[in-house]
Amino acid sequence: MRVDSASRFISASPDEVFRAFTDPELLLAWLPPRGMTGRFERFDAVTGYRMVLTYDEAPAGGGKASADADVAEVRRVELAPPHWIVEAVDFPSDDPVYAGTMTLTWSFEPRVTGTLITIEATDVPPGISPDDHAEGLASSLENLARLFAK
């Protein structure tokens, strides 16, 4: 089974990091990876959200939802503040290579001067290449670290 993962140390407490996942303004500030901007069509900190991610420059093959955008339908299936969040993610698309539900498990481990964040993605749709996914996960975590840079 394919598991895509990434980790990053963040200079913030687990409570502060958890808040960055439940405050819509903070989430929009860091989650969209480099080269994309995001907006919510719907947001609930407990049950989930629908986010539209628009590419700064449309990719040659287009996005998952349209020529220049991806849509993520995210259901929060488990929240254990401030330790972890489990999300079920669907990508509405006419292309069957993006079908299925991906599971994201975010864990927040306290460290002396901050938090180690680890994300594990399972059941990743085959249309998302491992290299592109690794780059996107690392970019989002870099944005999150920047949000808390002191």
Protein backbone atom coordinates (compact mmCIF):
# COMPACT_ATOMS: atom_id res chain seq x y z
CA MET A 1 0.00 0.00 0.00
CA ARG A 2 1.28 3.44 -0.92
CA VAL A 3 1.86 5.83 1.97
CA ASP A 4 3.06 9.37 1.26
CA SER A 5 4.43 11.17 4.29
CA ALA A 6 6.24 14.28 5.39
CA SER A 7 7.38 15.76 8.70
CA ARG A 8 8.54 19.14 9.89
CA PHE A 9 9.45 20.77 13.17
CA ILE A 10 7.37 23.88 13.90
CA SER A 11 8.36 26.50 16.50
CA ALA A 12 4.95 26.55 18.15
CA SER A 13 3.11 24.53 20.78
CA PRO A 14 0.79 21.69 19.72
CA ASP A 15 -2.17 23.88 20.79
CA GLU A 16 -1.01 26.71 18.50
CA VAL A 17 -0.42 24.30 15.62
CA PHE A 18 -3.82 22.67 16.10
CA ARG A 19 -5.41 26.14 15.94
CA ALA A 20 -3.77 26.67 12.53
CA PHE A 21 -5.89 23.73 11.32
CA THR A 22 -9.18 24.97 12.80
CA ASP A 23 -9.01 28.72 12.11
CA PRO A 24 -10.05 29.24 8.46
CA GLU A 25 -7.87 32.32 7.93
CA LEU A 26 -4.80 30.54 9.28
CA LEU A 27 -5.52 27.40 7.26
CA LEU A 28 -5.78 29.43 4.04
CA ALA A 29 -2.50 31.16 4.92
CA TRP A 30 -0.46 27.95 4.93
CA LEU A 31 -2.22 24.93 3.37
CA PRO A 32 -2.13 25.87 -0.34
CA PRO A 33 1.24 24.71 -1.66
CA ARG A 34 3.65 26.95 -3.53
CA GLY A 35 2.15 28.06 -6.84
CA MET A 36 -1.46 27.93 -5.65
CA THR A 37 -3.97 30.05 -3.77
CA GLY A 38 -7.01 28.75 -1.92
CA ARG A 39 -10.50 29.77 -0.98
CA PHE A 40 -13.22 28.02 0.96
CA GLU A 41 -16.64 27.29 -0.47
CA ARG A 42 -17.59 25.89 2.94
CA PHE A 43 -15.73 25.57 6.27
CA ASP A 44 -16.52 23.94 9.60
CA ALA A 45 -13.60 23.35 11.97
CA VAL A 46 -15.10 20.09 13.25
CA THR A 47 -16.81 18.49 10.25
CA GLY A 48 -14.62 19.68 7.37
CA TYR A 49 -14.52 21.98 4.38
CA ARG A 50 -14.54 22.36 0.63
CA MET A 51 -11.51 24.21 -0.70
CA VAL A 52 -10.84 25.42 -4.23
CA LEU A 53 -7.13 25.59 -5.03
CA THR A 54 -6.26 27.73 -8.05
CA TYR A 55 -2.92 27.43 -9.82
CA ASP A 56 -0.90 30.62 -10.32
CA GLU A 57 -0.01 29.14 -13.74
CA ALA A 58 -2.25 26.38 -15.07
CA PRO A 59 -0.40 23.08 -15.51
CA ALA A 60 -0.02 21.68 -19.02
CA GLY A 61 -2.48 18.86 -18.35
CA GLY A 62 -4.86 21.06 -16.38
CA GLY A 63 -6.00 20.73 -12.78
CA LYS A 64 -8.12 17.97 -11.29
CA ALA A 65 -11.37 19.97 -11.39
CA SER A 66 -10.78 22.42 -14.25
CA ALA A 67 -8.01 23.81 -16.43
CA ASP A 68 -6.56 25.84 -13.58
CA ALA A 69 -8.02 24.49 -10.33
CA ASP A 70 -8.29 21.56 -7.96
CA VAL A 71 -11.14 21.06 -5.51
CA ALA A 72 -10.72 19.21 -2.24
CA GLU A 73 -13.78 17.96 -0.37
CA VAL A 74 -12.48 17.32 3.16
CA ARG A 75 -14.35 15.50 5.92
CA ARG A 76 -12.85 15.57 9.37
CA VAL A 77 -13.35 12.05 10.68
CA GLU A 78 -11.37 12.33 13.91
CA LEU A 79 -10.10 15.24 15.97
CA ALA A 80 -8.08 14.76 19.16
CA PRO A 81 -6.88 18.25 20.12
CA PRO A 82 -3.99 18.92 20.18
CA HIS A 83 -2.63 15.50 19.20
CA TRP A 84 -4.00 14.60 15.77
CA ILE A 85 -6.54 15.15 13.01
CA VAL A 86 -7.73 12.53 10.54
CA GLU A 87 -9.29 13.74 7.30
CA ALA A 88 -10.98 11.95 4.40
CA VAL A 89 -10.35 13.82 1.15
CA ASP A 90 -12.12 13.49 -2.19
CA PHE A 91 -11.20 15.32 -5.39
CA PRO A 92 -14.30 15.95 -7.50
CA SER A 93 -13.09 15.31 -11.04
CA ASP A 94 -14.27 13.83 -14.32
CA ASP A 95 -10.94 11.99 -14.54
CA PRO A 96 -11.15 8.54 -12.90
CA VAL A 97 -7.45 8.60 -11.89
CA TYR A 98 -8.46 11.05 -9.12
CA ALA A 99 -11.36 8.93 -7.86
CA GLY A 100 -11.45 7.48 -4.37
CA THR A 101 -11.01 8.82 -0.88
CA MET A 102 -7.55 9.67 0.39
CA THR A 103 -6.97 9.63 4.14
CA LEU A 104 -4.70 12.24 5.72
CA THR A 105 -3.51 11.69 9.28
CA TRP A 106 -1.86 14.72 10.86
CA SER A 107 -0.05 14.15 14.18
CA PHE A 108 1.39 16.80 16.48
CA GLU A 109 4.17 15.63 18.84
CA PRO A 110 5.33 18.07 21.51
CA ARG A 111 9.03 18.88 21.62
CA VAL A 112 10.95 21.10 24.04
CA THR A 113 10.85 24.14 21.73
CA GLY A 114 7.87 23.35 19.51
CA THR A 115 6.02 20.57 17.70
CA LEU A 116 6.95 17.84 15.27
CA ILE A 117 4.20 17.58 12.67
CA THR A 118 3.88 14.40 10.65
CA ILE A 119 1.39 13.82 7.85
CA GLU A 120 0.64 10.41 6.38
CA ALA A 121 -1.48 10.05 3.26
CA THR A 122 -3.00 6.68 2.37
CA ASP A 123 -5.22 5.61 -0.52
CA VAL A 124 -3.73 8.40 -2.63
CA PRO A 125 -5.43 8.52 -6.04
CA PRO A 126 -3.08 7.18 -8.74
CA GLY A 127 -3.35 10.44 -10.68
CA ILE A 128 -1.29 12.17 -7.97
CA SER A 129 2.34 11.30 -8.58
CA PRO A 130 4.46 10.48 -5.51
CA ASP A 131 6.97 13.21 -6.44
CA ASP A 132 4.30 15.89 -6.90
CA HIS A 133 2.61 14.86 -3.66
CA ALA A 134 5.90 14.94 -1.72
CA GLU A 135 6.61 18.42 -3.11
CA GLY A 136 3.12 19.66 -2.21
CA LEU A 137 3.21 18.25 1.33
CA ALA A 138 6.67 19.72 1.96
CA SER A 139 5.57 23.09 0.57
CA SER A 140 2.50 23.26 2.84
CA LEU A 141 4.59 22.34 5.90
CA GLU A 142 7.16 24.98 4.92
CA ASN A 143 4.33 27.55 4.77
CA LEU A 144 3.14 26.43 8.20
CA ALA A 145 6.64 26.77 9.66
CA ARG A 146 6.90 30.27 8.16
CA LEU A 147 3.58 31.19 9.79
CA PHE A 148 5.13 30.52 13.20
CA ALA A 149 8.64 31.83 12.51
CA LYS A 150 9.69 34.10 15.32
